[in-house]
Amino acid sequence: MKDNLEQKFKELEGKFDVEEPMLGHFDRFKVRLAKDAIENEKPKQSFHTWKWLSIAASVILLIGIWIGSSTVRPGLELAEVSPEMQETQNFFVSTIQTELEQIKLKRNDDNKQVIDDALNQLHKLEENYKQLTVELQKSNEDRRVIYAMISNFQQRIEVLQNLLQQLNELEQLKLNNDEKVI
């Protein structure tokens, strides 16, 4: 191995760069290095600034979510009492929605007043339900309040079913009257 190294030096003899740099080369090099160091340092500062800003924004966002979720709700829904009550509420809500869709399809100028009256009754029952949610929260899930809430749902469905029955009767009367005219 030593022989290989000596052989390499013999081959490169006279080819080495032995000239010295011009006067002031090292000073110019130091200035250039310092200039590059300053330029390279600026992006790091802006990165750190953005990093801190993103952390601050995240903290503010988390505080906002926490405050928003900790606000006092006006009441306790039936579905929040137990999984069974959630199923019950879901059943009643979906039944009410189905009935309302059927009523919407049957709405016309002839039955507008009947529908509006029934919807006003429905609105009163919904307001009553909101009061019951407040009572449920205050009463620490009293069974009587739960039964009243279920009864409220049943009353709303009855109002809608009665309305559908009246609408069907009105349609039948109209068809009978139209047949007599012909």
N, C-alpha and C. Protein backbone atom coordinates (compact mmCIF):
# COMPACT_ATOMS: atom_id res chain seq x y z
N MET A 1 0.80 -1.18 0.00
CA MET A 1 0.00 0.00 0.00
C MET A 1 0.86 1.26 0.00
N LYS A 2 1.98 1.19 0.74
CA LYS A 2 2.89 2.32 0.80
C LYS A 2 3.48 2.56 -0.58
N ASP A 3 3.74 1.52 -1.30
CA ASP A 3 4.30 1.63 -2.64
C ASP A 3 3.31 2.31 -3.58
N ASN A 4 2.07 1.98 -3.46
CA ASN A 4 1.04 2.61 -4.30
C ASN A 4 0.98 4.11 -4.07
N LEU A 5 1.09 4.50 -2.83
CA LEU A 5 1.03 5.92 -2.48
C LEU A 5 2.24 6.66 -3.03
N GLU A 6 3.39 6.08 -2.90
CA GLU A 6 4.60 6.70 -3.41
C GLU A 6 4.55 6.77 -4.93
N GLN A 7 4.01 5.78 -5.56
CA GLN A 7 3.88 5.77 -7.01
C GLN A 7 2.94 6.88 -7.47
N LYS A 8 1.86 7.09 -6.75
CA LYS A 8 0.92 8.15 -7.10
C LYS A 8 1.59 9.52 -7.01
N PHE A 9 2.37 9.73 -5.94
CA PHE A 9 3.05 11.00 -5.79
C PHE A 9 4.06 11.23 -6.91
N LYS A 10 4.70 10.21 -7.35
CA LYS A 10 5.66 10.35 -8.45
C LYS A 10 4.93 10.70 -9.75
N GLU A 11 3.78 10.11 -9.96
CA GLU A 11 3.01 10.40 -11.17
C GLU A 11 2.51 11.85 -11.17
N LEU A 12 2.16 12.35 -10.00
CA LEU A 12 1.59 13.70 -9.90
C LEU A 12 2.66 14.77 -9.68
N GLU A 13 3.88 14.39 -9.64
CA GLU A 13 4.96 15.35 -9.38
C GLU A 13 4.97 16.43 -10.46
N GLY A 14 5.00 17.66 -10.01
CA GLY A 14 5.01 18.80 -10.92
C GLY A 14 3.62 19.24 -11.34
N LYS A 15 2.66 18.49 -11.00
CA LYS A 15 1.30 18.85 -11.36
C LYS A 15 0.54 19.49 -10.21
N PHE A 16 1.14 19.59 -9.04
CA PHE A 16 0.48 20.20 -7.89
C PHE A 16 0.38 21.69 -8.07
N ASP A 17 -0.71 22.27 -7.55
CA ASP A 17 -0.92 23.71 -7.60
C ASP A 17 -0.19 24.31 -6.41
N VAL A 18 0.89 24.97 -6.67
CA VAL A 18 1.70 25.51 -5.60
C VAL A 18 1.63 27.03 -5.53
N GLU A 19 0.83 27.61 -6.37
CA GLU A 19 0.71 29.06 -6.34
C GLU A 19 -0.14 29.49 -5.17
N GLU A 20 0.19 30.67 -4.66
CA GLU A 20 -0.57 31.22 -3.54
C GLU A 20 -1.63 32.16 -4.08
N PRO A 21 -2.74 32.26 -3.34
CA PRO A 21 -3.80 33.16 -3.79
C PRO A 21 -3.35 34.62 -3.73
N MET A 22 -4.06 35.46 -4.43
CA MET A 22 -3.70 36.88 -4.48
C MET A 22 -3.87 37.49 -3.10
N LEU A 23 -3.25 38.59 -2.91
CA LEU A 23 -3.28 39.30 -1.65
C LEU A 23 -4.71 39.72 -1.31
N GLY A 24 -5.21 39.47 -0.09
CA GLY A 24 -6.56 39.84 0.34
C GLY A 24 -7.61 38.79 0.04
N HIS A 25 -7.15 37.65 -0.49
CA HIS A 25 -8.10 36.60 -0.84
C HIS A 25 -8.87 36.11 0.40
N PHE A 26 -8.16 35.88 1.48
CA PHE A 26 -8.81 35.37 2.68
C PHE A 26 -9.79 36.38 3.26
N ASP A 27 -9.45 37.67 3.18
CA ASP A 27 -10.38 38.70 3.67
C ASP A 27 -11.65 38.73 2.83
N ARG A 28 -11.48 38.66 1.50
CA ARG A 28 -12.67 38.64 0.63
C ARG A 28 -13.51 37.39 0.89
N PHE A 29 -12.85 36.29 1.15
CA PHE A 29 -13.55 35.06 1.42
C PHE A 29 -14.36 35.15 2.72
N LYS A 30 -13.77 35.74 3.76
CA LYS A 30 -14.47 35.91 5.04
C LYS A 30 -15.69 36.81 4.87
N VAL A 31 -15.57 37.89 4.10
CA VAL A 31 -16.70 38.80 3.86
C VAL A 31 -17.81 38.06 3.13
N ARG A 32 -17.39 37.29 2.15
CA ARG A 32 -18.40 36.54 1.38
C ARG A 32 -19.11 35.51 2.25
N LEU A 33 -18.39 34.81 3.11
CA LEU A 33 -18.99 33.85 4.03
C LEU A 33 -19.96 34.54 5.00
N ALA A 34 -19.55 35.69 5.51
CA ALA A 34 -20.42 36.42 6.44
C ALA A 34 -21.69 36.87 5.73
N LYS A 35 -21.58 37.34 4.49
CA LYS A 35 -22.73 37.77 3.71
C LYS A 35 -23.69 36.60 3.47
N ASP A 36 -23.15 35.44 3.10
CA ASP A 36 -23.97 34.25 2.89
C ASP A 36 -24.65 33.81 4.20
N ALA A 37 -23.93 33.92 5.30
CA ALA A 37 -24.49 33.53 6.60
C ALA A 37 -25.68 34.42 6.96
N ILE A 38 -25.59 35.72 6.69
CA ILE A 38 -26.69 36.64 6.98
C ILE A 38 -27.89 36.34 6.09
N GLU A 39 -27.64 36.08 4.82
CA GLU A 39 -28.74 35.78 3.89
C GLU A 39 -29.42 34.46 4.26
N ASN A 40 -28.65 33.47 4.68
CA ASN A 40 -29.22 32.18 5.05
C ASN A 40 -29.95 32.24 6.38
N GLU A 41 -29.61 33.19 7.22
CA GLU A 41 -30.23 33.30 8.53
C GLU A 41 -31.65 33.87 8.43
N LYS A 42 -31.97 34.72 7.47
CA LYS A 42 -33.28 35.34 7.34
C LYS A 42 -34.41 34.31 7.17
N PRO A 43 -34.29 33.32 6.30
CA PRO A 43 -35.37 32.34 6.18
C PRO A 43 -35.61 31.58 7.48
N LYS A 44 -34.56 31.31 8.23
CA LYS A 44 -34.75 30.62 9.50
C LYS A 44 -35.58 31.47 10.44
N GLN A 45 -35.34 32.78 10.47
CA GLN A 45 -36.12 33.65 11.33
C GLN A 45 -37.58 33.65 10.90
N SER A 46 -37.83 33.74 9.60
CA SER A 46 -39.22 33.77 9.15
C SER A 46 -39.87 32.42 9.41
N PHE A 47 -39.12 31.32 9.31
CA PHE A 47 -39.66 30.00 9.63
C PHE A 47 -40.06 29.94 11.09
N HIS A 48 -39.19 30.45 11.95
CA HIS A 48 -39.51 30.44 13.38
C HIS A 48 -40.72 31.32 13.67
N THR A 49 -40.83 32.44 12.98
CA THR A 49 -41.98 33.33 13.17
C THR A 49 -43.26 32.62 12.76
N TRP A 50 -43.26 31.97 11.60
CA TRP A 50 -44.44 31.24 11.15
C TRP A 50 -44.77 30.09 12.07
N LYS A 51 -43.73 29.46 12.58
CA LYS A 51 -43.94 28.35 13.49
C LYS A 51 -44.67 28.83 14.75
N TRP A 52 -44.21 29.93 15.31
CA TRP A 52 -44.86 30.47 16.50
C TRP A 52 -46.27 30.97 16.20
N LEU A 53 -46.46 31.59 15.04
CA LEU A 53 -47.79 32.05 14.68
C LEU A 53 -48.76 30.88 14.51
N SER A 54 -48.29 29.78 13.91
CA SER A 54 -49.17 28.63 13.74
C SER A 54 -49.51 27.99 15.09
N ILE A 55 -48.55 27.96 16.00
CA ILE A 55 -48.83 27.43 17.34
C ILE A 55 -49.84 28.31 18.06
N ALA A 56 -49.67 29.63 17.96
CA ALA A 56 -50.60 30.55 18.60
C ALA A 56 -52.00 30.42 18.02
N ALA A 57 -52.08 30.28 16.70
CA ALA A 57 -53.39 30.12 16.06
C ALA A 57 -54.05 28.83 16.51
N SER A 58 -53.28 27.77 16.64
CA SER A 58 -53.84 26.49 17.10
C SER A 58 -54.37 26.59 18.51
N VAL A 59 -53.62 27.27 19.37
CA VAL A 59 -54.06 27.44 20.76
C VAL A 59 -55.36 28.25 20.80
N ILE A 60 -55.42 29.31 20.03
CA ILE A 60 -56.64 30.14 20.00
C ILE A 60 -57.82 29.33 19.47
N LEU A 61 -57.59 28.53 18.45
CA LEU A 61 -58.65 27.69 17.90
C LEU A 61 -59.15 26.69 18.93
N LEU A 62 -58.24 26.05 19.65
CA LEU A 62 -58.64 25.09 20.69
C LEU A 62 -59.42 25.76 21.80
N ILE A 63 -59.01 26.95 22.19
CA ILE A 63 -59.75 27.69 23.22
C ILE A 63 -61.15 28.03 22.73
N GLY A 64 -61.26 28.44 21.46
CA GLY A 64 -62.57 28.75 20.90
C GLY A 64 -63.48 27.54 20.86
N ILE A 65 -62.94 26.40 20.49
CA ILE A 65 -63.73 25.16 20.46
C ILE A 65 -64.16 24.79 21.87
N TRP A 66 -63.26 24.93 22.82
CA TRP A 66 -63.59 24.60 24.21
C TRP A 66 -64.68 25.50 24.75
N ILE A 67 -64.58 26.79 24.47
CA ILE A 67 -65.60 27.74 24.94
C ILE A 67 -66.93 27.45 24.26
N GLY A 68 -66.89 27.17 22.96
CA GLY A 68 -68.12 26.88 22.23
C GLY A 68 -68.80 25.62 22.71
N SER A 69 -68.03 24.63 23.09
CA SER A 69 -68.63 23.37 23.54
C SER A 69 -69.06 23.43 24.99
N SER A 70 -68.54 24.38 25.75
CA SER A 70 -68.89 24.45 27.16
C SER A 70 -70.04 25.42 27.43
N THR A 71 -70.61 26.00 26.38
CA THR A 71 -71.73 26.89 26.61
C THR A 71 -72.92 26.10 27.12
N VAL A 72 -73.71 26.72 27.95
CA VAL A 72 -74.85 26.06 28.56
C VAL A 72 -75.95 25.88 27.53
N ARG A 73 -76.40 24.64 27.38
CA ARG A 73 -77.48 24.37 26.46
C ARG A 73 -78.79 24.63 27.18
N PRO A 74 -79.82 24.99 26.42
CA PRO A 74 -81.08 25.31 27.06
C PRO A 74 -81.78 24.11 27.70
N GLY A 75 -81.48 22.90 27.26
CA GLY A 75 -82.16 21.75 27.82
C GLY A 75 -81.48 20.45 27.45
N LEU A 76 -82.12 19.37 27.90
CA LEU A 76 -81.59 18.04 27.66
C LEU A 76 -82.55 17.30 26.74
N GLU A 77 -82.05 16.87 25.59
CA GLU A 77 -82.89 16.15 24.64
C GLU A 77 -83.19 14.75 25.16
N LEU A 78 -84.28 14.20 24.70
CA LEU A 78 -84.68 12.85 25.07
C LEU A 78 -83.61 11.84 24.67
N ALA A 79 -82.98 12.06 23.53
CA ALA A 79 -81.97 11.14 23.02
C ALA A 79 -80.72 11.09 23.90
N GLU A 80 -80.53 12.08 24.73
CA GLU A 80 -79.33 12.14 25.57
C GLU A 80 -79.51 11.38 26.88
N VAL A 81 -80.71 10.88 27.14
CA VAL A 81 -80.98 10.18 28.39
C VAL A 81 -80.41 8.77 28.35
N SER A 82 -80.69 8.04 27.27
CA SER A 82 -80.21 6.66 27.15
C SER A 82 -80.28 6.25 25.68
N PRO A 83 -79.62 5.15 25.34
CA PRO A 83 -79.70 4.67 23.95
C PRO A 83 -81.13 4.31 23.53
N GLU A 84 -81.92 3.78 24.46
CA GLU A 84 -83.30 3.44 24.14
C GLU A 84 -84.10 4.70 23.82
N MET A 85 -83.87 5.73 24.60
CA MET A 85 -84.58 7.00 24.37
C MET A 85 -84.12 7.64 23.06
N GLN A 86 -82.87 7.40 22.71
CA GLN A 86 -82.38 7.91 21.43
C GLN A 86 -83.11 7.22 20.28
N GLU A 87 -83.29 5.91 20.40
CA GLU A 87 -84.05 5.18 19.38
C GLU A 87 -85.49 5.69 19.31
N THR A 88 -86.08 5.93 20.48
CA THR A 88 -87.46 6.43 20.53
C THR A 88 -87.56 7.78 19.85
N GLN A 89 -86.65 8.68 20.19
CA GLN A 89 -86.68 10.01 19.59
C GLN A 89 -86.47 9.93 18.09
N ASN A 90 -85.53 9.10 17.65
CA ASN A 90 -85.27 8.96 16.21
C ASN A 90 -86.51 8.45 15.49
N PHE A 91 -87.22 7.49 16.10
CA PHE A 91 -88.44 6.96 15.50
C PHE A 91 -89.48 8.06 15.34
N PHE A 92 -89.71 8.81 16.42
CA PHE A 92 -90.73 9.86 16.37
C PHE A 92 -90.36 10.95 15.36
N VAL A 93 -89.10 11.36 15.37
CA VAL A 93 -88.67 12.42 14.45
C VAL A 93 -88.81 11.97 13.00
N SER A 94 -88.40 10.73 12.71
CA SER A 94 -88.52 10.27 11.32
C SER A 94 -89.98 10.12 10.91
N THR A 95 -90.84 9.68 11.83
CA THR A 95 -92.27 9.56 11.53
C THR A 95 -92.87 10.93 11.25
N ILE A 96 -92.50 11.91 12.07
CA ILE A 96 -93.01 13.28 11.87
C ILE A 96 -92.54 13.82 10.53
N GLN A 97 -91.28 13.58 10.19
CA GLN A 97 -90.75 14.06 8.91
C GLN A 97 -91.49 13.42 7.73
N THR A 98 -91.78 12.14 7.84
CA THR A 98 -92.51 11.44 6.78
C THR A 98 -93.90 12.03 6.61
N GLU A 99 -94.58 12.26 7.74
CA GLU A 99 -95.93 12.84 7.69
C GLU A 99 -95.89 14.24 7.07
N LEU A 100 -94.90 15.03 7.47
CA LEU A 100 -94.80 16.39 6.93
C LEU A 100 -94.56 16.38 5.42
N GLU A 101 -93.76 15.43 4.95
CA GLU A 101 -93.51 15.33 3.50
C GLU A 101 -94.79 14.96 2.75
N GLN A 102 -95.58 14.07 3.31
CA GLN A 102 -96.85 13.71 2.69
C GLN A 102 -97.79 14.90 2.65
N ILE A 103 -97.81 15.67 3.72
CA ILE A 103 -98.68 16.85 3.77
C ILE A 103 -98.22 17.89 2.75
N LYS A 104 -96.92 18.05 2.63
CA LYS A 104 -96.38 19.01 1.66
C LYS A 104 -96.82 18.66 0.24
N LEU A 105 -96.88 17.38 -0.07
CA LEU A 105 -97.29 16.94 -1.40
C LEU A 105 -98.78 17.21 -1.66
N LYS A 106 -99.57 17.22 -0.62
CA LYS A 106 -101.01 17.40 -0.78
C LYS A 106 -101.44 18.87 -0.67
N ARG A 107 -100.54 19.74 -0.37
CA ARG A 107 -100.87 21.16 -0.15
C ARG A 107 -101.34 21.81 -1.46
N ASN A 108 -102.47 22.55 -1.38
CA ASN A 108 -102.97 23.34 -2.50
C ASN A 108 -103.78 24.50 -1.94
N ASP A 109 -104.35 25.30 -2.80
CA ASP A 109 -105.10 26.48 -2.34
C ASP A 109 -106.35 26.10 -1.56
N ASP A 110 -106.96 24.96 -1.87
CA ASP A 110 -108.19 24.54 -1.20
C ASP A 110 -107.96 24.15 0.25
N ASN A 111 -106.81 23.56 0.54
CA ASN A 111 -106.58 23.06 1.90
C ASN A 111 -105.51 23.85 2.66
N LYS A 112 -105.13 24.98 2.15
CA LYS A 112 -104.05 25.77 2.75
C LYS A 112 -104.36 26.15 4.19
N GLN A 113 -105.59 26.61 4.45
CA GLN A 113 -105.96 27.06 5.79
C GLN A 113 -105.93 25.89 6.78
N VAL A 114 -106.42 24.75 6.38
CA VAL A 114 -106.42 23.58 7.27
C VAL A 114 -104.99 23.17 7.62
N ILE A 115 -104.12 23.18 6.63
CA ILE A 115 -102.72 22.82 6.86
C ILE A 115 -102.04 23.84 7.78
N ASP A 116 -102.27 25.13 7.53
CA ASP A 116 -101.66 26.17 8.36
C ASP A 116 -102.11 26.06 9.82
N ASP A 117 -103.39 25.75 10.05
CA ASP A 117 -103.89 25.59 11.42
C ASP A 117 -103.20 24.41 12.12
N ALA A 118 -103.07 23.31 11.41
CA ALA A 118 -102.41 22.14 11.99
C ALA A 118 -100.93 22.42 12.26
N LEU A 119 -100.28 23.14 11.37
CA LEU A 119 -98.87 23.46 11.57
C LEU A 119 -98.69 24.42 12.75
N ASN A 120 -99.67 25.30 12.98
CA ASN A 120 -99.62 26.16 14.18
C ASN A 120 -99.72 25.31 15.44
N GLN A 121 -100.60 24.32 15.44
CA GLN A 121 -100.70 23.41 16.58
C GLN A 121 -99.38 22.67 16.79
N LEU A 122 -98.79 22.24 15.71
CA LEU A 122 -97.52 21.55 15.76
C LEU A 122 -96.43 22.45 16.34
N HIS A 123 -96.44 23.70 15.95
CA HIS A 123 -95.45 24.66 16.46
C HIS A 123 -95.61 24.84 17.97
N LYS A 124 -96.85 24.92 18.45
CA LYS A 124 -97.09 25.05 19.90
C LYS A 124 -96.58 23.82 20.64
N LEU A 125 -96.79 22.65 20.06
CA LEU A 125 -96.28 21.43 20.69
C LEU A 125 -94.76 21.41 20.70
N GLU A 126 -94.12 21.92 19.66
CA GLU A 126 -92.66 21.99 19.63
C GLU A 126 -92.13 22.95 20.69
N GLU A 127 -92.81 24.07 20.89
CA GLU A 127 -92.41 25.01 21.95
C GLU A 127 -92.56 24.34 23.32
N ASN A 128 -93.64 23.60 23.49
CA ASN A 128 -93.85 22.87 24.73
C ASN A 128 -92.73 21.85 24.95
N TYR A 129 -92.29 21.20 23.87
CA TYR A 129 -91.21 20.23 23.96
C TYR A 129 -89.90 20.91 24.41
N LYS A 130 -89.65 22.10 23.90
CA LYS A 130 -88.43 22.83 24.31
C LYS A 130 -88.45 23.10 25.81
N GLN A 131 -89.63 23.45 26.33
CA GLN A 131 -89.75 23.67 27.78
C GLN A 131 -89.52 22.38 28.54
N LEU A 132 -90.00 21.29 27.97
CA LEU A 132 -89.79 20.00 28.62
C LEU A 132 -88.31 19.61 28.66
N THR A 133 -87.55 20.00 27.62
CA THR A 133 -86.11 19.69 27.64
C THR A 133 -85.41 20.43 28.78
N VAL A 134 -85.85 21.67 29.04
CA VAL A 134 -85.28 22.43 30.15
C VAL A 134 -85.67 21.77 31.47
N GLU A 135 -86.93 21.36 31.60
CA GLU A 135 -87.37 20.70 32.82
C GLU A 135 -86.64 19.39 33.03
N LEU A 136 -86.37 18.66 31.96
CA LEU A 136 -85.65 17.40 32.06
C LEU A 136 -84.25 17.62 32.60
N GLN A 137 -83.61 18.67 32.15
CA GLN A 137 -82.26 18.96 32.62
C GLN A 137 -82.29 19.36 34.10
N LYS A 138 -83.27 20.17 34.48
CA LYS A 138 -83.37 20.62 35.87
C LYS A 138 -83.76 19.49 36.81
N SER A 139 -84.64 18.59 36.34
CA SER A 139 -85.17 17.54 37.21
C SER A 139 -84.27 16.32 37.30
N ASN A 140 -83.14 16.39 36.67
CA ASN A 140 -82.19 15.27 36.69
C ASN A 140 -82.83 14.00 36.14
N GLU A 141 -83.40 14.13 34.93
CA GLU A 141 -83.96 13.02 34.16
C GLU A 141 -85.13 12.34 34.88
N ASP A 142 -86.07 13.14 35.36
CA ASP A 142 -87.28 12.63 36.01
C ASP A 142 -88.13 11.87 34.99
N ARG A 143 -88.63 10.70 35.38
CA ARG A 143 -89.42 9.86 34.48
C ARG A 143 -90.70 10.55 34.01
N ARG A 144 -91.30 11.34 34.87
CA ARG A 144 -92.54 12.03 34.49
C ARG A 144 -92.29 13.00 33.33
N VAL A 145 -91.14 13.65 33.35
CA VAL A 145 -90.81 14.57 32.27
C VAL A 145 -90.54 13.79 30.99
N ILE A 146 -89.86 12.65 31.13
CA ILE A 146 -89.58 11.80 29.96
C ILE A 146 -90.89 11.34 29.33
N TYR A 147 -91.84 10.90 30.17
CA TYR A 147 -93.14 10.47 29.66
C TYR A 147 -93.88 11.62 28.99
N ALA A 148 -93.75 12.82 29.55
CA ALA A 148 -94.38 13.99 28.95
C ALA A 148 -93.76 14.30 27.58
N MET A 149 -92.46 14.10 27.45
CA MET A 149 -91.80 14.34 26.17
C MET A 149 -92.26 13.32 25.12
N ILE A 150 -92.37 12.06 25.54
CA ILE A 150 -92.86 11.03 24.62
C ILE A 150 -94.30 11.33 24.22
N SER A 151 -95.09 11.75 25.19
CA SER A 151 -96.48 12.11 24.91
C SER A 151 -96.55 13.28 23.93
N ASN A 152 -95.63 14.22 24.08
CA ASN A 152 -95.59 15.36 23.17
C ASN A 152 -95.33 14.90 21.74
N PHE A 153 -94.38 13.98 21.57
CA PHE A 153 -94.13 13.43 20.23
C PHE A 153 -95.38 12.74 19.69
N GLN A 154 -96.04 11.97 20.55
CA GLN A 154 -97.25 11.26 20.11
C GLN A 154 -98.34 12.24 19.70
N GLN A 155 -98.48 13.32 20.44
CA GLN A 155 -99.48 14.33 20.10
C GLN A 155 -99.18 14.98 18.76
N ARG A 156 -97.90 15.24 18.51
CA ARG A 156 -97.53 15.83 17.21
C ARG A 156 -97.87 14.88 16.07
N ILE A 157 -97.60 13.59 16.27
CA ILE A 157 -97.92 12.62 15.22
C ILE A 157 -99.43 12.53 15.03
N GLU A 158 -100.19 12.57 16.12
CA GLU A 158 -101.65 12.53 16.02
C GLU A 158 -102.18 13.73 15.24
N VAL A 159 -101.62 14.91 15.52
CA VAL A 159 -102.04 16.11 14.79
C VAL A 159 -101.79 15.93 13.30
N LEU A 160 -100.63 15.42 12.96
CA LEU A 160 -100.28 15.23 11.54
C LEU A 160 -101.14 14.15 10.90
N GLN A 161 -101.40 13.06 11.62
CA GLN A 161 -102.24 12.00 11.06
C GLN A 161 -103.68 12.48 10.87
N ASN A 162 -104.18 13.24 11.84
CA ASN A 162 -105.53 13.81 11.69
C ASN A 162 -105.59 14.75 10.50
N LEU A 163 -104.54 15.53 10.33
CA LEU A 163 -104.48 16.44 9.19
C LEU A 163 -104.48 15.66 7.88
N LEU A 164 -103.68 14.60 7.81
CA LEU A 164 -103.67 13.78 6.59
C LEU A 164 -105.05 13.17 6.32
N GLN A 165 -105.71 12.75 7.37
CA GLN A 165 -107.05 12.18 7.21
C GLN A 165 -108.02 13.24 6.68
N GLN A 166 -107.94 14.45 7.24
CA GLN A 166 -108.80 15.54 6.75
C GLN A 166 -108.50 15.88 5.29
N LEU A 167 -107.22 15.88 4.95
CA LEU A 167 -106.83 16.18 3.56
C LEU A 167 -107.36 15.10 2.61
N ASN A 168 -107.30 13.86 3.03
CA ASN A 168 -107.83 12.78 2.21
C ASN A 168 -109.35 12.91 2.04
N GLU A 169 -110.03 13.28 3.13
CA GLU A 169 -111.48 13.47 3.05
C GLU A 169 -111.84 14.63 2.13
N LEU A 170 -111.05 15.72 2.22
CA LEU A 170 -111.29 16.87 1.33
C LEU A 170 -111.08 16.48 -0.13
N GLU A 171 -110.04 15.70 -0.39
CA GLU A 171 -109.80 15.23 -1.76
C GLU A 171 -110.96 14.36 -2.24
N GLN A 172 -111.44 13.49 -1.37
CA GLN A 172 -112.54 12.60 -1.74
C GLN A 172 -113.81 13.40 -2.03
N LEU A 173 -114.09 14.41 -1.19
CA LEU A 173 -115.25 15.26 -1.42
C LEU A 173 -115.14 16.00 -2.74
N LYS A 174 -113.95 16.49 -3.01
CA LYS A 174 -113.74 17.21 -4.26
C LYS A 174 -113.94 16.28 -5.45
N LEU A 175 -113.43 15.05 -5.37
CA LEU A 175 -113.61 14.09 -6.46
C LEU A 175 -115.07 13.73 -6.65
N ASN A 176 -115.80 13.56 -5.56
CA ASN A 176 -117.23 13.27 -5.64
C ASN A 176 -118.01 14.41 -6.27
N ASN A 177 -117.66 15.64 -5.89
CA ASN A 177 -118.32 16.82 -6.46
C ASN A 177 -118.00 16.95 -7.94
N ASP A 178 -116.77 16.65 -8.31
CA ASP A 178 -116.38 16.72 -9.71
C ASP A 178 -117.11 15.65 -10.54
N GLU A 179 -117.32 14.49 -9.96
CA GLU A 179 -118.06 13.42 -10.68
C GLU A 179 -119.52 13.78 -10.87
N LYS A 180 -120.12 14.45 -9.89
CA LYS A 180 -121.52 14.84 -9.98
C LYS A 180 -121.72 15.89 -11.04
N VAL A 181 -120.71 16.78 -11.20
CA VAL A 181 -120.82 17.86 -12.19
C VAL A 181 -120.76 17.28 -13.59
N ILE A 182 -120.00 16.26 -13.79
CA ILE A 182 -119.85 15.66 -15.12
C ILE A 182 -121.07 14.89 -15.44
